């Protein structure tokens, strides 16, 4: 056989081997039948698992809601708070959960030493006269019903859709019409807690490049007819900049836990801005070193919050992330497909985030 023919035969064998179907390419392969939404891994690493039954320091929870149905559940909530180490809880008022503000205050009255109440802006009448009445109502809520702050305002692109008694459709936080309300909140020393946008990957294309696609499929934000992510951030920054006498609390790390440098730059620029960590433990715990660095650097500007009911295990999941050195674990209740790792925050930082920063705000802005 000629050498050239032998080389051709060898090349043909190599090409055939390269093009042969792999087990994973087969229609019968188990891999082809696994849906991304069913991804539910089991950790195989022999690594520490730390249970934190009670927080290391007393806690002020600056972000929760009226999750109860009756006074009996409020009593149970208080027992749960005692069990895990929560002193006080802020009850945010929203259109999507709970009852009218007056009814909330009445229901919780027997336990008012354990809860703080936050009210909405009234957008019923957007005329100058209507806004003047809304300012008067805000003052009444503060002086007569004990409203501590304003919130949770919520703008995911369509305006403040969380408000009661009517939603603030197309009314964004920098809308000139509501600036008197924002200034009034500052005069009354009522911080404004606001939910701006959603996590960034909810705005990205729903394809194989989206890091958060498992959750983004359900929570994807369609910006066809409303503000997008960065436009919403612009409205928030406008309001914070133009109202230095009003304190703003950006819920959920301002939904910017993917970009700590930009969030840190805003905190550096605006002393009247804080963030809370509520309902974003999973988003922040998949970049534990970067998050830890951020929390240590901005330890005086971060507030503890939950935003997820009042079961003891809910609190303990958060404590584990903040306090321990555990790594690569999953918390099914969070509903995320990525592994989490804890921050192991120093005690002095923990104490500020758990309690001292909120205490300072609630005292100075009383």
Protein backbone atom coordinates (compact mmCIF):
# COMPACT_ATOMS: atom_id res chain seq x y z
CA UNK A 1 0.00 0.00 0.00
CA UNK A 2 1.29 3.38 -0.91
CA UNK A 3 2.18 5.70 1.96
CA UNK A 4 -0.19 8.36 0.62
CA UNK A 5 -3.13 5.92 0.64
CA UNK A 6 -2.33 4.84 4.19
CA UNK A 7 -2.35 8.44 5.33
CA UNK A 8 -5.75 8.96 3.70
CA UNK A 9 -7.19 5.90 5.44
CA UNK A 10 -5.86 7.05 8.83
CA UNK A 11 -7.28 10.51 8.30
CA UNK A 12 -10.67 9.01 7.51
CA UNK A 13 -10.66 6.99 10.73
CA UNK A 14 -9.79 10.08 12.79
CA UNK A 15 -12.53 12.12 11.15
CA UNK A 16 -15.08 9.39 11.75
CA UNK A 17 -14.09 9.15 15.42
CA UNK A 18 -14.43 12.91 15.88
CA UNK A 19 -17.90 12.93 14.33
CA UNK A 20 -19.18 9.87 16.18
CA UNK A 21 -22.18 10.70 18.42
CA UNK A 22 -21.38 11.11 22.11
CA UNK A 23 -23.56 9.68 24.86
CA UNK A 24 -24.75 13.20 25.68
CA UNK A 25 -25.76 13.76 22.04
CA UNK A 26 -28.08 10.80 22.01
CA UNK A 27 -31.80 11.43 22.15
CA UNK A 28 -31.94 8.81 24.88
CA UNK A 29 -29.34 10.55 27.07
CA UNK A 30 -30.62 11.51 30.56
CA UNK A 31 -28.89 14.88 30.18
CA UNK A 32 -31.20 15.79 27.30
CA UNK A 33 -34.24 15.17 29.48
CA UNK A 34 -33.23 17.42 32.37
CA UNK A 35 -35.00 20.76 32.37
CA UNK A 36 -33.15 23.77 33.70
CA UNK A 37 -36.06 24.60 36.01
CA UNK A 38 -35.66 21.17 37.65
CA UNK A 39 -32.01 21.73 38.55
CA UNK A 40 -31.81 20.68 42.21
CA UNK A 41 -28.23 19.73 43.13
CA UNK A 42 -27.11 17.94 46.27
CA UNK A 43 -23.92 19.20 47.90
CA UNK A 44 -21.34 16.42 48.07
CA UNK A 45 -18.58 18.40 49.77
CA UNK A 46 -17.66 17.38 53.31
CA UNK A 47 -17.63 20.93 54.66
CA UNK A 48 -18.98 22.69 57.78
CA UNK A 49 -22.71 23.27 58.17
CA UNK A 50 -23.45 25.86 60.85
CA UNK A 51 -26.86 26.41 62.42
CA UNK A 52 -27.45 29.81 63.97
CA UNK A 53 -30.52 29.59 66.20
CA UNK A 54 -30.36 33.17 67.46
CA UNK A 55 -28.66 36.26 66.10
CA UNK A 56 -25.40 37.23 67.72
CA UNK A 57 -26.76 40.71 68.52
CA UNK A 58 -30.27 42.15 69.00
CA UNK A 59 -31.95 43.03 65.72
CA UNK A 60 -34.15 45.78 64.33
CA UNK A 61 -35.81 44.45 61.19
CA UNK A 62 -36.28 47.47 58.94
CA UNK A 63 -38.27 45.75 56.21
CA UNK A 64 -41.28 43.51 56.66
CA UNK A 65 -45.00 43.61 55.87
CA UNK A 66 -48.44 42.91 57.30
CA UNK A 67 -48.30 39.15 56.75
CA UNK A 68 -50.76 38.17 59.47
CA UNK A 69 -54.45 37.38 59.36
CA UNK A 70 -55.32 38.09 62.99
CA UNK A 71 -54.02 39.10 66.41
CA UNK A 72 -53.15 35.51 67.23
CA UNK A 73 -50.62 35.44 64.44
CA UNK A 74 -49.14 38.71 65.66
CA UNK A 75 -48.64 37.10 69.07
CA UNK A 76 -46.89 34.17 67.39
CA UNK A 77 -44.75 36.58 65.39
CA UNK A 78 -43.62 38.23 68.62
CA UNK A 79 -42.71 34.81 70.07
CA UNK A 80 -40.71 34.04 66.96
CA UNK A 81 -38.93 37.39 67.22
CA UNK A 82 -38.01 36.63 70.83
CA UNK A 83 -36.75 33.20 69.81
CA UNK A 84 -34.38 34.49 67.14
CA UNK A 85 -33.41 37.83 68.71
CA UNK A 86 -35.46 40.48 66.89
CA UNK A 87 -36.42 43.48 69.03
CA UNK A 88 -38.57 45.47 66.58
CA UNK A 89 -39.98 45.03 63.09
CA UNK A 90 -40.96 47.68 60.55
CA UNK A 91 -44.32 47.00 58.89
CA UNK A 92 -44.21 48.43 55.38
CA UNK A 93 -47.50 49.42 53.82
CA UNK A 94 -48.21 48.30 50.24
CA UNK A 95 -51.12 47.87 47.89
CA UNK A 96 -50.19 44.26 47.20
CA UNK A 97 -50.32 43.02 50.80
CA UNK A 98 -52.16 43.96 53.96
CA UNK A 99 -55.02 46.28 54.82
CA UNK A 100 -55.55 50.07 54.99
CA UNK A 101 -52.98 51.84 57.15
CA UNK A 102 -55.44 52.77 59.87
CA UNK A 103 -56.51 49.13 60.22
CA UNK A 104 -52.90 47.96 60.41
CA UNK A 105 -52.18 50.32 63.30
CA UNK A 106 -55.38 49.25 65.07
CA UNK A 107 -54.68 45.53 64.66
CA UNK A 108 -51.12 45.76 65.94
CA UNK A 109 -51.95 48.20 68.77
CA UNK A 110 -51.57 45.62 71.58
CA UNK A 111 -48.05 44.90 70.30
CA UNK A 112 -47.06 48.41 69.24
CA UNK A 113 -43.84 48.25 71.28
CA UNK A 114 -42.59 45.53 68.89
CA UNK A 115 -43.53 47.08 65.56
CA UNK A 116 -42.98 50.31 63.63
CA UNK A 117 -45.47 51.42 60.98
CA UNK A 118 -44.65 52.91 57.57
CA UNK A 119 -47.35 54.51 55.41
CA UNK A 120 -47.81 55.27 51.70
CA UNK A 121 -48.05 58.53 49.84
CA UNK A 122 -51.60 59.43 48.75
CA UNK A 123 -51.79 59.91 44.98
CA UNK A 124 -55.58 60.25 44.83
CA UNK A 125 -55.41 63.85 43.64
CA UNK A 126 -52.30 65.04 41.82
CA UNK A 127 -53.36 68.68 41.61
CA UNK A 128 -51.43 71.18 43.77
CA UNK A 129 -54.39 71.26 46.15
CA UNK A 130 -54.48 67.45 46.24
CA UNK A 131 -50.78 67.23 47.04
CA UNK A 132 -51.28 69.75 49.84
CA UNK A 133 -53.96 67.46 51.28
CA UNK A 134 -51.66 64.47 50.87
CA UNK A 135 -48.99 66.33 52.87
CA UNK A 136 -51.53 67.00 55.61
CA UNK A 137 -52.52 63.32 55.64
CA UNK A 138 -48.86 62.30 55.92
CA UNK A 139 -48.49 64.63 58.88
CA UNK A 140 -51.61 63.15 60.51
CA UNK A 141 -50.32 59.62 60.00
CA UNK A 142 -47.07 60.63 61.67
CA UNK A 143 -48.45 62.67 64.55
CA UNK A 144 -51.64 60.77 65.36
CA UNK A 145 -51.05 57.21 64.19
CA UNK A 146 -47.33 56.97 64.83
CA UNK A 147 -46.07 56.42 61.28
CA UNK A 148 -42.29 56.13 61.47
CA UNK A 149 -41.54 56.46 57.79
CA UNK A 150 -42.89 56.26 54.25
CA UNK A 151 -42.82 53.01 52.33
CA UNK A 152 -42.49 50.70 50.82
CA UNK A 153 -42.70 52.78 47.66
CA UNK A 154 -42.24 50.56 44.62
CA UNK A 155 -41.25 51.50 41.08
CA UNK A 156 -40.37 48.71 38.67
CA UNK A 157 -40.86 50.93 35.64
CA UNK A 158 -44.52 51.95 35.73
CA UNK A 159 -44.40 54.33 38.67
CA UNK A 160 -45.21 53.77 42.34
CA UNK A 161 -47.52 50.79 41.91
CA UNK A 162 -47.26 49.86 45.60
CA UNK A 163 -49.17 52.89 46.88
CA UNK A 164 -52.54 53.02 48.64
CA UNK A 165 -55.38 53.94 48.42
CA UNK A 166 -54.59 54.31 44.70
CA UNK A 167 -51.47 53.32 42.80
CA UNK A 168 -49.12 55.99 41.55
CA UNK A 169 -49.10 54.87 37.93
CA UNK A 170 -46.57 56.89 35.89
CA UNK A 171 -45.53 58.75 39.04
CA UNK A 172 -41.80 58.23 39.59
CA UNK A 173 -39.82 59.31 42.63
CA UNK A 174 -38.39 62.37 40.84
CA UNK A 175 -41.79 63.55 39.55
CA UNK A 176 -41.97 67.31 40.28
CA UNK A 177 -45.56 66.94 41.50
CA UNK A 178 -44.60 64.82 44.53
CA UNK A 179 -41.54 66.78 45.63
CA UNK A 180 -43.62 68.59 48.30
CA UNK A 181 -44.46 65.16 49.75
CA UNK A 182 -40.81 64.15 49.77
CA UNK A 183 -39.83 67.41 51.45
CA UNK A 184 -42.63 66.99 54.00
CA UNK A 185 -41.31 63.53 54.86
CA UNK A 186 -37.93 65.12 55.51
CA UNK A 187 -39.46 67.82 57.70
CA UNK A 188 -41.26 65.15 59.72
CA UNK A 189 -38.05 63.08 59.98
CA UNK A 190 -39.75 60.21 58.17
CA UNK A 191 -37.30 58.14 56.08
CA UNK A 192 -38.54 56.99 52.68
CA UNK A 193 -38.06 53.30 51.92
CA UNK A 194 -38.26 52.59 48.20
CA UNK A 195 -38.00 49.53 45.98
CA UNK A 196 -36.40 50.59 42.70
CA UNK A 197 -36.26 48.21 39.71
CA UNK A 198 -35.44 44.51 40.11
CA UNK A 199 -32.18 42.51 39.95
CA UNK A 200 -30.32 43.35 36.77
CA UNK A 201 -30.56 39.91 35.17
CA UNK A 202 -34.35 40.27 35.07
CA UNK A 203 -33.82 42.86 32.33
CA UNK A 204 -31.39 40.78 30.26
CA UNK A 205 -32.37 38.57 27.30
CA UNK A 206 -33.96 35.26 28.23
CA UNK A 207 -31.28 33.08 26.66
CA UNK A 208 -28.35 30.82 27.52
CA UNK A 209 -26.18 33.81 28.49
CA UNK A 210 -28.43 34.96 31.34
CA UNK A 211 -26.83 34.04 34.67
CA UNK A 212 -30.14 34.29 36.50
CA UNK A 213 -32.39 32.82 33.85
CA UNK A 214 -33.98 30.17 36.10
CA UNK A 215 -35.59 32.95 38.11
CA UNK A 216 -35.64 35.62 35.44
CA UNK A 217 -38.05 33.53 33.38
CA UNK A 218 -40.68 34.07 36.07
CA UNK A 219 -39.66 37.59 37.01
CA UNK A 220 -38.52 39.01 33.70
CA UNK A 221 -39.27 42.73 33.35
CA UNK A 222 -40.75 43.86 30.06
CA UNK A 223 -39.66 47.46 29.51
CA UNK A 224 -41.52 47.93 26.22
CA UNK A 225 -43.88 50.53 27.68
CA UNK A 226 -42.12 51.57 30.88
CA UNK A 227 -38.80 52.72 32.29
CA UNK A 228 -35.83 50.37 32.11
CA UNK A 229 -33.28 49.57 34.80
CA UNK A 230 -30.88 52.48 34.38
CA UNK A 231 -33.64 55.01 33.80
CA UNK A 232 -35.15 53.99 37.14
CA UNK A 233 -31.77 54.41 38.81
CA UNK A 234 -31.61 57.89 37.32
CA UNK A 235 -34.99 58.82 38.84
CA UNK A 236 -33.86 57.59 42.24
CA UNK A 237 -30.59 59.49 42.14
CA UNK A 238 -32.41 62.64 41.04
CA UNK A 239 -34.69 62.45 44.09
CA UNK A 240 -31.86 61.75 46.53
CA UNK A 241 -29.74 64.57 45.11
CA UNK A 242 -32.56 67.14 45.07
CA UNK A 243 -33.80 66.32 48.58
CA UNK A 244 -30.75 66.33 50.88
CA UNK A 245 -33.00 66.88 53.90
CA UNK A 246 -34.87 63.61 53.37
CA UNK A 247 -33.37 60.23 54.18
CA UNK A 248 -33.83 57.51 51.56
CA UNK A 249 -33.53 53.78 52.23
CA UNK A 250 -32.98 51.84 49.01
CA UNK A 251 -34.57 48.43 49.53
CA UNK A 252 -32.80 45.27 48.43
CA UNK A 253 -29.37 46.90 48.03
CA UNK A 254 -31.06 49.17 45.43
CA UNK A 255 -31.22 45.96 43.35
CA UNK A 256 -27.59 46.64 42.52
CA UNK A 257 -25.82 43.73 44.22
CA UNK A 258 -24.31 42.84 40.82
CA UNK A 259 -22.39 46.14 40.80
CA UNK A 260 -20.95 47.02 44.21
CA UNK A 261 -18.61 49.75 42.88
CA UNK A 262 -21.50 51.76 41.40
CA UNK A 263 -23.64 51.33 44.52
CA UNK A 264 -20.70 52.31 46.73
CA UNK A 265 -20.09 55.42 44.65
CA UNK A 266 -23.69 56.51 45.23
CA UNK A 267 -23.34 56.01 48.99
CA UNK A 268 -20.13 58.04 48.91
CA UNK A 269 -21.89 60.83 47.06
CA UNK A 270 -25.15 61.02 49.03
CA UNK A 271 -25.04 60.98 52.84
CA UNK A 272 -28.87 60.88 52.94
CA UNK A 273 -28.92 57.41 51.34
CA UNK A 274 -28.95 54.00 53.04
CA UNK A 275 -29.59 50.49 51.73
CA UNK A 276 -31.34 47.52 53.31
CA UNK A 277 -30.43 43.89 52.62
CA UNK A 278 -33.99 42.54 52.61
CA UNK A 279 -34.87 39.67 50.26
CA UNK A 280 -31.52 39.82 48.49
CA UNK A 281 -29.43 37.42 50.55
CA UNK A 282 -29.31 34.91 47.70
CA UNK A 283 -28.32 37.54 45.14
CA UNK A 284 -25.46 38.77 47.31
CA UNK A 285 -24.23 35.44 48.71
CA UNK A 286 -23.07 34.03 45.41
CA UNK A 287 -20.31 36.68 45.41
CA UNK A 288 -19.39 36.42 49.10
CA UNK A 289 -15.97 38.05 49.06
CA UNK A 290 -17.10 41.09 47.08
CA UNK A 291 -20.23 41.42 49.22
CA UNK A 292 -18.27 41.09 52.46
CA UNK A 293 -15.88 43.82 51.32
CA UNK A 294 -18.83 46.09 50.49
CA UNK A 295 -20.57 45.48 53.82
CA UNK A 296 -17.43 46.18 55.79
CA UNK A 297 -16.66 49.36 53.84
CA UNK A 298 -20.22 50.70 54.13
CA UNK A 299 -21.05 49.22 57.51
CA UNK A 300 -22.58 52.51 58.71
CA UNK A 301 -25.04 52.72 55.81
CA UNK A 302 -26.55 49.22 55.70
CA UNK A 303 -29.75 48.11 57.45
CA UNK A 304 -31.03 44.64 58.25
CA UNK A 305 -34.33 43.61 56.67
CA UNK A 306 -36.17 40.37 55.87
CA UNK A 307 -39.27 40.93 53.66
CA UNK A 308 -40.15 37.22 53.79
CA UNK A 309 -42.75 36.42 56.44
CA UNK A 310 -42.00 35.64 60.07
CA UNK A 311 -41.04 31.97 60.40
CA UNK A 312 -37.97 31.36 62.62
CA UNK A 313 -36.17 29.41 59.90
CA UNK A 314 -36.43 32.40 57.57
CA UNK A 315 -34.46 34.55 60.02
CA UNK A 316 -31.94 31.77 60.68
CA UNK A 317 -31.16 31.34 57.00
CA UNK A 318 -30.16 35.00 56.89
CA UNK A 319 -28.12 34.73 60.11
CA UNK A 320 -26.18 31.83 58.60
CA UNK A 321 -25.17 33.91 55.61
CA UNK A 322 -24.19 36.96 57.64
CA UNK A 323 -22.49 35.33 60.61
CA UNK A 324 -20.83 32.06 59.59
CA UNK A 325 -17.98 30.97 57.36
CA UNK A 326 -20.00 28.24 55.60
CA UNK A 327 -19.58 27.89 51.85
CA UNK A 328 -21.25 26.29 48.84
CA UNK A 329 -24.69 25.59 50.25
CA UNK A 330 -28.23 25.91 48.96
CA UNK A 331 -31.25 27.37 50.73
CA UNK A 332 -34.31 25.96 48.90
CA UNK A 333 -36.60 28.62 50.34
CA UNK A 334 -34.69 31.27 48.41
CA UNK A 335 -35.48 29.50 45.17
CA UNK A 336 -32.13 30.11 43.45
CA UNK A 337 -30.09 27.64 41.44
CA UNK A 338 -26.69 28.93 42.44
CA UNK A 339 -24.71 27.94 45.52
CA UNK A 340 -24.34 30.44 48.37
CA UNK A 341 -21.40 31.19 50.63
CA UNK A 342 -21.48 33.09 53.90
CA UNK A 343 -19.81 36.39 54.79
CA UNK A 344 -18.43 35.75 58.29
CA UNK A 345 -18.83 39.45 59.13
CA UNK A 346 -16.85 40.92 62.02
CA UNK A 347 -18.82 41.46 65.21
CA UNK A 348 -18.64 45.24 65.07
CA UNK A 349 -20.04 45.23 61.53
CA UNK A 350 -22.78 42.76 62.42
CA UNK A 351 -23.87 44.86 65.38
CA UNK A 352 -24.23 47.96 63.20
CA UNK A 353 -26.18 46.18 60.48
CA UNK A 354 -28.37 44.26 62.90
CA UNK A 355 -29.16 47.12 65.23
CA UNK A 356 -27.08 50.26 65.63
CA UNK A 357 -27.65 51.87 62.23
CA UNK A 358 -31.42 51.45 62.49
CA UNK A 359 -31.42 52.68 66.07
CA UNK A 360 -29.55 55.79 65.02
CA UNK A 361 -32.02 56.50 62.21
CA UNK A 362 -35.08 55.87 64.36
CA UNK A 363 -33.69 58.07 67.14
CA UNK A 364 -32.40 60.94 65.00
CA UNK A 365 -35.45 60.93 62.77
CA UNK A 366 -38.03 60.50 65.52
